[in-house]
């Protein structure tokens, strides 16, 4: 008789202290099912832990030396709630069987001595039920993932449109402000305005520079917001040495690092293999990462960079980079949302929280991944896994995985669908 179920896809674990019963069970059913056996509850639990992803049905005798069958069934329910649990009992143990049924510990009970054809049918129905549950759970998971990804992708597109719109309107307004600021000093001098303070060259210079600085900061914010929201066409034609990229980036940021007395120890070996990258975007990755550190760390902090390479196939060869600081660290809730584009690590209202989201997108589009770990009072560590050849990275690292890793955390998901 043809059946749509593969009864050997998941194994059956039978536990009984009687050696003859174990041998008889194996001889009777090994042709149709994959069989594991154990002589007591402790050994049964050990097998279950070792093969928890392979076993679909557990059948155990009740009366055994040491822990009883009910004990094992309860442990199995805690370890794998979906596993089908069957209790084999003698008529004298009927009360235990009824109690197990009433508490939800078992799917069914069978009496000993069991009838092979009837038990075979029971095992088949149990495995079918297990497989149907697995298929249902997988289908629900896939449908929810598709829905999540569609809604999140829509929000990212909206973020990009918002960035473009803000950029257009704010930049136009800033042009007029900048033009006024450029002409104002000369005009004031020309008309010799007698307003207290404004004739003071130092006052005006400081005011002018401050406003221009804020204009530049807003422009950079819009640029980074746009970078974080779009999916660019990356070109990995450039070959770079990681140590050189980090050294040059640190040289460009020498002044802001010195202003806060932040010490950076670059321990990245210059012997690492070269990376294939989109050079402008790859340099931008480290610039944004260091800028976030500068904005977030207190004066006198220290940053340490290390890196190692892993050999393997072209799809798996990569460099792992670790950036660690000795700053105040982050609470657990803040760490979960650290790559949210609107989360700011520092207490300064002048920082906009865009840098790390842009870093995440750049790393992702290079075929890699970035994670953060942190403990309050013990600093934060960023770990980046960067493939040597992004073009050869396995297709498994697709947009679905990216959305799951980056955006599908509970709190951020709620924010995305509620517009908070």
Protein backbone atom coordinates (compact mmCIF):
# COMPACT_ATOMS: atom_id res chain seq x y z
CA UNK A 1 0.00 0.00 0.00
CA UNK A 2 1.44 3.34 -1.03
CA UNK A 3 1.85 5.91 1.74
CA UNK A 4 2.92 9.56 1.45
CA UNK A 5 4.92 9.31 4.69
CA UNK A 6 8.54 8.28 5.06
CA UNK A 7 8.49 6.44 8.37
CA UNK A 8 12.29 6.28 8.49
CA UNK A 9 12.72 10.04 8.28
CA UNK A 10 12.46 10.27 12.07
CA UNK A 11 13.60 7.60 14.53
CA UNK A 12 11.76 5.73 17.27
CA UNK A 13 13.35 5.50 20.72
CA UNK A 14 12.24 2.51 22.82
CA UNK A 15 13.26 2.31 26.49
CA UNK A 16 12.82 -0.86 28.56
CA UNK A 17 14.89 -2.57 31.25
CA UNK A 18 14.13 -6.03 29.81
CA UNK A 19 16.83 -6.96 27.31
CA UNK A 20 14.59 -9.48 25.54
CA UNK A 21 11.93 -6.84 25.06
CA UNK A 22 14.45 -4.47 23.43
CA UNK A 23 15.67 -7.20 21.07
CA UNK A 24 12.13 -8.27 20.20
CA UNK A 25 11.11 -4.66 19.49
CA UNK A 26 14.13 -4.13 17.21
CA UNK A 27 13.56 -7.43 15.36
CA UNK A 28 9.87 -6.70 14.87
CA UNK A 29 10.12 -3.11 13.63
CA UNK A 30 13.65 -2.41 12.34
CA UNK A 31 12.60 -3.03 8.72
CA UNK A 32 10.04 -0.23 8.82
CA UNK A 33 11.44 2.24 11.35
CA UNK A 34 14.77 3.64 12.48
CA UNK A 35 15.19 2.30 16.00
CA UNK A 36 17.13 3.52 19.05
CA UNK A 37 16.93 1.50 22.28
CA UNK A 38 18.00 2.15 25.88
CA UNK A 39 17.90 -0.11 29.00
CA UNK A 40 16.79 2.58 31.48
CA UNK A 41 15.39 6.10 31.72
CA UNK A 42 18.75 7.81 32.25
CA UNK A 43 20.26 6.18 29.15
CA UNK A 44 17.09 7.02 27.25
CA UNK A 45 17.37 10.70 28.18
CA UNK A 46 21.02 10.71 27.11
CA UNK A 47 20.10 9.28 23.69
CA UNK A 48 17.28 11.77 23.38
CA UNK A 49 19.62 14.69 24.07
CA UNK A 50 22.18 13.39 21.56
CA UNK A 51 19.62 12.76 18.80
CA UNK A 52 16.89 15.26 19.68
CA UNK A 53 16.56 16.44 16.08
CA UNK A 54 16.26 12.88 14.72
CA UNK A 55 13.75 11.26 17.10
CA UNK A 56 10.05 11.68 16.39
CA UNK A 57 8.56 9.14 18.80
CA UNK A 58 9.51 7.96 22.28
CA UNK A 59 8.05 4.78 23.76
CA UNK A 60 9.04 3.74 27.27
CA UNK A 61 8.16 1.12 29.83
CA UNK A 62 6.84 2.49 33.13
CA UNK A 63 8.38 0.11 35.68
CA UNK A 64 12.17 0.20 35.51
CA UNK A 65 14.95 0.32 38.12
CA UNK A 66 15.81 3.91 38.99
CA UNK A 67 13.70 6.57 37.30
CA UNK A 68 10.32 5.48 35.98
CA UNK A 69 8.94 5.91 32.49
CA UNK A 70 6.80 8.89 33.49
CA UNK A 71 9.98 10.72 34.59
CA UNK A 72 11.53 10.20 31.14
CA UNK A 73 8.36 11.32 29.36
CA UNK A 74 8.28 14.54 31.36
CA UNK A 75 11.92 15.25 30.51
CA UNK A 76 11.22 14.54 26.86
CA UNK A 77 8.31 16.98 26.89
CA UNK A 78 10.58 19.69 28.29
CA UNK A 79 13.34 18.97 25.79
CA UNK A 80 11.18 18.50 22.68
CA UNK A 81 7.48 19.32 23.27
CA UNK A 82 6.46 18.04 19.82
CA UNK A 83 7.90 14.53 20.25
CA UNK A 84 5.25 11.79 20.34
CA UNK A 85 5.32 10.09 23.76
CA UNK A 86 3.93 6.58 24.36
CA UNK A 87 3.85 4.77 27.70
CA UNK A 88 3.98 0.97 27.81
CA UNK A 89 2.32 -0.37 30.96
CA UNK A 90 1.07 -3.58 32.53
CA UNK A 91 -2.50 -3.61 33.79
CA UNK A 92 -1.18 -3.14 37.33
CA UNK A 93 0.23 0.24 36.27
CA UNK A 94 -2.99 1.52 34.77
CA UNK A 95 -3.31 4.31 37.32
CA UNK A 96 0.06 5.72 36.21
CA UNK A 97 -1.03 5.56 32.58
CA UNK A 98 -4.29 7.37 33.27
CA UNK A 99 -2.46 10.05 35.26
CA UNK A 100 0.00 10.53 32.39
CA UNK A 101 -2.84 10.96 29.91
CA UNK A 102 -4.65 13.43 32.14
CA UNK A 103 -1.57 15.59 32.65
CA UNK A 104 -0.76 15.68 28.95
CA UNK A 105 2.53 13.83 29.42
CA UNK A 106 1.78 11.21 26.75
CA UNK A 107 0.14 10.85 23.35
CA UNK A 108 -1.06 7.31 24.05
CA UNK A 109 -0.45 4.29 26.23
CA UNK A 110 -0.16 0.63 25.20
CA UNK A 111 -0.49 -2.41 27.42
CA UNK A 112 2.14 -5.10 27.80
CA UNK A 113 2.57 -7.56 26.34
CA UNK A 114 1.92 -5.54 23.20
CA UNK A 115 0.50 -6.89 19.96
CA UNK A 116 3.02 -6.26 17.10
CA UNK A 117 0.53 -5.39 14.29
CA UNK A 118 -1.44 -3.14 16.57
CA UNK A 119 1.73 -1.46 17.92
CA UNK A 120 3.05 -1.02 14.39
CA UNK A 121 -0.13 0.82 13.48
CA UNK A 122 0.15 2.97 16.63
CA UNK A 123 3.75 3.92 15.85
CA UNK A 124 2.85 4.82 12.25
CA UNK A 125 -0.03 7.04 13.36
CA UNK A 126 2.23 8.68 15.93
CA UNK A 127 5.00 9.42 13.42
CA UNK A 128 2.44 10.73 10.94
CA UNK A 129 1.10 13.09 13.56
CA UNK A 130 4.66 14.22 14.38
CA UNK A 131 5.47 14.86 10.70
CA UNK A 132 2.22 16.74 10.11
CA UNK A 133 3.01 18.99 13.08
CA UNK A 134 6.50 19.64 11.71
CA UNK A 135 5.15 20.48 8.26
CA UNK A 136 2.52 22.77 9.73
CA UNK A 137 5.06 24.59 11.90
CA UNK A 138 7.42 24.98 8.93
CA UNK A 139 4.66 26.35 6.69
CA UNK A 140 3.54 28.82 9.36
CA UNK A 141 7.14 29.93 9.90
CA UNK A 142 7.70 30.43 6.17
CA UNK A 143 4.47 32.38 5.73
CA UNK A 144 5.22 34.61 8.69
CA UNK A 145 8.76 35.17 7.43
CA UNK A 146 7.47 36.21 4.01
CA UNK A 147 4.97 38.59 5.60
CA UNK A 148 7.61 40.05 7.91
CA UNK A 149 10.05 40.54 5.07
CA UNK A 150 7.46 42.17 2.81
CA UNK A 151 6.47 44.65 5.50
CA UNK A 152 10.05 45.38 6.52
CA UNK A 153 11.16 45.81 2.91
CA UNK A 154 8.29 48.25 2.45
CA UNK A 155 9.42 50.21 5.50
CA UNK A 156 13.01 50.32 4.21
CA UNK A 157 11.81 51.67 0.86
CA UNK A 158 9.81 54.27 2.78
CA UNK A 159 12.94 55.15 4.75
CA UNK A 160 14.79 55.69 1.49
CA UNK A 161 12.03 57.90 0.08
CA UNK A 162 11.98 59.86 3.34
CA UNK A 163 15.72 60.36 3.14
CA UNK A 164 15.50 61.53 -0.47
CA UNK A 165 12.66 63.94 0.31
CA UNK A 166 14.38 65.36 3.38
CA UNK A 167 17.59 65.73 1.44
CA UNK A 168 15.90 67.67 -1.37
CA UNK A 169 13.92 70.08 0.80
CA UNK A 170 16.44 70.63 3.60
CA UNK A 171 19.36 71.10 1.22
CA UNK A 172 17.40 73.75 -0.70
CA UNK A 173 16.68 75.56 2.57
CA UNK A 174 20.30 75.25 3.67
CA UNK A 175 21.53 76.83 0.44
CA UNK A 176 19.66 80.02 1.30
CA UNK A 177 20.94 79.96 4.90
CA UNK A 178 24.51 79.37 3.77
CA UNK A 179 24.30 82.18 1.20
CA UNK A 180 23.10 84.57 3.89
CA UNK A 181 25.88 83.51 6.25
CA UNK A 182 28.50 83.93 3.56
CA UNK A 183 27.31 87.49 2.76
CA UNK A 184 26.44 88.64 6.27
CA UNK A 185 29.93 89.46 7.62
CA UNK A 186 30.83 91.64 4.63
CA UNK A 187 27.44 93.34 4.68
CA UNK A 188 27.70 94.12 8.38
CA UNK A 189 31.15 95.56 7.94
CA UNK A 190 29.98 97.58 4.98
CA UNK A 191 27.07 99.14 6.87
CA UNK A 192 29.08 99.31 10.15
CA UNK A 193 26.22 98.00 12.20
CA UNK A 194 26.33 99.10 15.86
CA UNK A 195 24.87 95.94 17.41
CA UNK A 196 26.71 94.91 20.59
CA UNK A 197 28.82 91.88 20.05
CA UNK A 198 28.41 91.45 16.31
CA UNK A 199 31.30 93.82 15.57
CA UNK A 200 33.52 91.54 17.60
CA UNK A 201 35.38 89.50 14.94
CA UNK A 202 35.97 86.57 17.31
CA UNK A 203 32.31 86.37 18.29
CA UNK A 204 31.16 86.42 14.69
CA UNK A 205 33.78 83.89 13.59
CA UNK A 206 32.81 81.45 16.32
CA UNK A 207 29.10 81.88 15.58
CA UNK A 208 29.62 81.48 11.85
CA UNK A 209 31.74 78.34 12.26
CA UNK A 210 29.23 76.81 14.65
CA UNK A 211 26.31 77.30 12.27
CA UNK A 212 28.33 76.03 9.33
CA UNK A 213 29.29 73.00 11.39
CA UNK A 214 25.65 72.21 12.11
CA UNK A 215 24.81 72.58 8.43
CA UNK A 216 27.56 70.11 7.59
CA UNK A 217 26.32 67.71 10.25
CA UNK A 218 22.77 67.79 8.87
CA UNK A 219 24.07 67.21 5.35
CA UNK A 220 26.15 64.25 6.51
CA UNK A 221 23.19 62.84 8.42
CA UNK A 222 21.06 62.92 5.29
CA UNK A 223 23.84 61.33 3.27
CA UNK A 224 24.25 58.49 5.76
CA UNK A 225 20.49 58.02 6.04
CA UNK A 226 20.30 57.65 2.29
CA UNK A 227 23.25 55.24 2.28
CA UNK A 228 21.59 53.12 4.95
CA UNK A 229 18.26 52.92 3.16
CA UNK A 230 19.27 52.14 -0.41
CA UNK A 231 20.51 48.84 -1.79
CA UNK A 232 23.48 49.89 -3.90
CA UNK A 233 25.05 47.99 -6.77
CA UNK A 234 28.37 47.09 -5.19
CA UNK A 235 31.46 46.61 -7.35
CA UNK A 236 34.09 44.36 -5.74
CA UNK A 237 36.87 45.13 -8.23
CA UNK A 238 39.29 46.58 -5.65
CA UNK A 239 41.83 44.57 -3.62
CA UNK A 240 42.77 46.02 -0.25
CA UNK A 241 44.78 45.10 2.83
CA UNK A 242 42.73 45.41 6.00
CA UNK A 243 45.60 46.80 8.07
CA UNK A 244 46.17 49.55 5.52
CA UNK A 245 42.47 50.48 5.38
CA UNK A 246 42.30 50.80 9.17
CA UNK A 247 45.57 52.74 9.38
CA UNK A 248 44.52 55.26 6.72
CA UNK A 249 41.09 55.72 8.30
CA UNK A 250 42.65 56.35 11.71
CA UNK A 251 45.02 58.89 10.16
CA UNK A 252 42.03 60.81 8.76
CA UNK A 253 40.36 60.81 12.18
CA UNK A 254 43.49 61.75 14.09
CA UNK A 255 42.17 65.11 15.28
CA UNK A 256 38.79 63.97 16.70
CA UNK A 257 40.50 61.00 18.36
CA UNK A 258 43.09 63.29 19.92
CA UNK A 259 40.41 65.78 21.01
CA UNK A 260 38.88 63.09 23.25
CA UNK A 261 42.22 61.46 24.05
CA UNK A 262 41.00 58.12 22.66
CA UNK A 263 43.84 55.65 22.17
CA UNK A 264 43.55 53.14 19.30
CA UNK A 265 45.66 49.99 19.22
CA UNK A 266 45.72 48.48 15.73
CA UNK A 267 46.82 44.86 16.15
CA UNK A 268 45.62 43.73 12.72
CA UNK A 269 48.45 41.77 11.04
CA UNK A 270 49.67 43.05 7.68
CA UNK A 271 50.08 39.42 6.57
CA UNK A 272 46.35 38.81 6.17
CA UNK A 273 45.13 37.99 2.64
CA UNK A 274 43.71 40.82 0.56
CA UNK A 275 39.98 41.48 0.45
CA UNK A 276 37.95 42.09 -2.70
CA UNK A 277 35.82 45.14 -1.92
CA UNK A 278 34.06 48.20 -3.22
CA UNK A 279 36.84 50.51 -2.03
CA UNK A 280 34.95 53.77 -1.35
CA UNK A 281 32.20 51.98 0.56
CA UNK A 282 34.64 49.73 2.42
CA UNK A 283 36.64 52.73 3.66
CA UNK A 284 33.36 54.39 4.57
CA UNK A 285 32.50 51.36 6.72
CA UNK A 286 35.48 51.88 9.02
CA UNK A 287 35.10 55.66 9.01
CA UNK A 288 31.51 55.36 10.25
CA UNK A 289 32.43 52.70 12.80
CA UNK A 290 35.19 54.85 14.29
CA UNK A 291 32.98 57.95 14.25
CA UNK A 292 30.36 56.08 16.25
CA UNK A 293 33.05 55.07 18.76
CA UNK A 294 34.29 58.65 19.03
CA UNK A 295 30.77 59.96 19.61
CA UNK A 296 29.90 57.27 22.14
CA UNK A 297 33.04 56.78 24.24
CA UNK A 298 34.07 59.02 27.14
CA UNK A 299 37.37 60.89 27.00
CA UNK A 300 40.44 58.77 27.69
CA UNK A 301 38.96 55.53 26.35
CA UNK A 302 40.83 52.84 24.49
CA UNK A 303 39.93 50.92 21.29
CA UNK A 304 41.65 47.68 20.25
CA UNK A 305 41.43 46.06 16.80
CA UNK A 306 42.38 42.46 16.03
CA UNK A 307 41.79 40.21 13.03
CA UNK A 308 42.29 36.61 11.94
CA UNK A 309 41.75 34.79 8.67
CA UNK A 310 40.07 31.43 8.10
CA UNK A 311 41.02 29.13 5.26
CA UNK A 312 38.52 27.14 3.28
CA UNK A 313 36.66 27.09 0.01
CA UNK A 314 36.27 30.39 -1.90
CA UNK A 315 32.72 30.61 -0.53
CA UNK A 316 33.88 30.31 3.10
CA UNK A 317 37.29 32.05 3.18
CA UNK A 318 36.94 35.15 5.32
CA UNK A 319 38.59 37.57 7.73
CA UNK A 320 37.13 38.06 11.20
CA UNK A 321 37.65 41.54 12.59
CA UNK A 322 37.09 42.45 16.24
CA UNK A 323 36.85 46.05 17.47
CA UNK A 324 36.69 46.26 21.27
CA UNK A 325 36.48 49.30 23.52
CA UNK A 326 36.67 49.78 27.28
CA UNK A 327 33.72 52.16 27.40
CA UNK A 328 30.72 51.99 29.73
CA UNK A 329 29.04 49.27 27.67
CA UNK A 330 25.35 48.93 26.92
CA UNK A 331 22.38 47.45 28.76
CA UNK A 332 20.82 44.32 27.21
CA UNK A 333 17.82 46.13 25.73
CA UNK A 334 19.97 48.78 24.04
CA UNK A 335 22.27 46.09 22.62
CA UNK A 336 19.33 44.35 20.94
CA UNK A 337 18.56 47.54 19.00
CA UNK A 338 22.10 48.77 18.40
CA UNK A 339 21.72 48.57 14.59
CA UNK A 340 18.35 50.34 14.58
CA UNK A 341 18.94 53.53 12.55
CA UNK A 342 17.29 55.73 15.16
CA UNK A 343 19.06 54.43 18.28
CA UNK A 344 21.86 56.63 19.64
CA UNK A 345 24.60 55.08 21.76
CA UNK A 346 25.74 58.34 23.34
CA UNK A 347 23.86 60.79 25.51
CA UNK A 348 24.57 63.67 23.14
CA UNK A 349 21.46 65.03 21.38
CA UNK A 350 23.71 66.09 18.49
CA UNK A 351 24.31 62.47 17.41
CA UNK A 352 21.73 60.92 15.12
CA UNK A 353 22.26 57.14 15.38
CA UNK A 354 22.72 56.54 11.64
CA UNK A 355 26.31 55.30 11.58
CA UNK A 356 25.85 51.72 12.74
CA UNK A 357 22.89 51.02 10.48
CA UNK A 358 24.95 52.19 7.51
CA UNK A 359 27.79 49.92 8.69
CA UNK A 360 25.40 46.99 8.83
CA UNK A 361 24.22 47.53 5.28
CA UNK A 362 27.75 47.93 3.90
CA UNK A 363 28.94 44.73 5.61
CA UNK A 364 25.86 42.84 4.44
CA UNK A 365 26.25 43.93 0.82
CA UNK A 366 29.86 42.74 0.99
CA UNK A 367 28.50 39.27 1.80
CA UNK A 368 29.47 39.49 5.47
CA UNK A 369 27.88 40.03 8.84
CA UNK A 370 28.44 42.22 11.88
CA UNK A 371 27.43 41.53 15.47
CA UNK A 372 27.84 43.38 18.74
CA UNK A 373 28.32 42.15 22.30
CA UNK A 374 28.41 44.37 25.35
CA UNK A 375 28.20 44.40 29.12
CA UNK A 376 27.61 47.46 31.24
CA UNK A 377 30.89 48.65 32.67
CA UNK A 378 32.95 46.28 30.48
CA UNK A 379 32.82 47.88 27.04
CA UNK A 380 31.43 46.89 23.65
CA UNK A 381 32.86 44.58 20.98
CA UNK A 382 31.93 44.62 17.29
CA UNK A 383 32.73 41.47 15.32
CA UNK A 384 32.73 41.55 11.52
CA UNK A 385 33.04 38.50 9.28
CA UNK A 386 34.21 39.70 5.87
CA UNK A 387 34.52 37.21 2.96
CA UNK A 388 37.69 37.47 0.90
CA UNK A 389 35.63 37.26 -2.29
CA UNK A 390 32.06 38.58 -1.87
CA UNK A 391 31.14 37.52 -5.41
CA UNK A 392 31.73 33.87 -4.46
CA UNK A 393 29.73 33.87 -1.24
CA UNK A 394 27.08 31.16 -1.13
CA UNK A 395 23.62 32.33 -2.27
CA UNK A 396 22.30 31.15 1.11
CA UNK A 397 23.23 34.54 2.49
CA UNK A 398 20.28 36.24 0.85
CA UNK A 399 17.91 39.02 1.78
CA UNK A 400 15.76 36.72 3.91
CA UNK A 401 18.66 35.85 6.19
CA UNK A 402 19.70 39.50 6.32
CA UNK A 403 16.25 40.65 7.41
CA UNK A 404 16.09 37.93 10.05
CA UNK A 405 19.52 38.78 11.45
CA UNK A 406 19.21 42.55 11.35
CA UNK A 407 15.62 43.55 11.75
CA UNK A 408 13.50 40.73 13.12
CA UNK A 409 13.90 41.38 16.80
CA UNK A 410 10.80 41.78 18.87
CA UNK A 411 10.98 45.44 19.82
CA UNK A 412 12.17 46.71 16.44
CA UNK A 413 9.50 44.66 14.66
CA UNK A 414 6.85 46.36 16.78
CA UNK A 415 8.35 49.75 15.93
CA UNK A 416 8.39 48.95 12.22
CA UNK A 417 4.75 47.93 11.98
CA UNK A 418 3.41 50.65 14.28
CA UNK A 419 5.45 53.54 12.84
CA UNK A 420 6.84 54.33 16.30
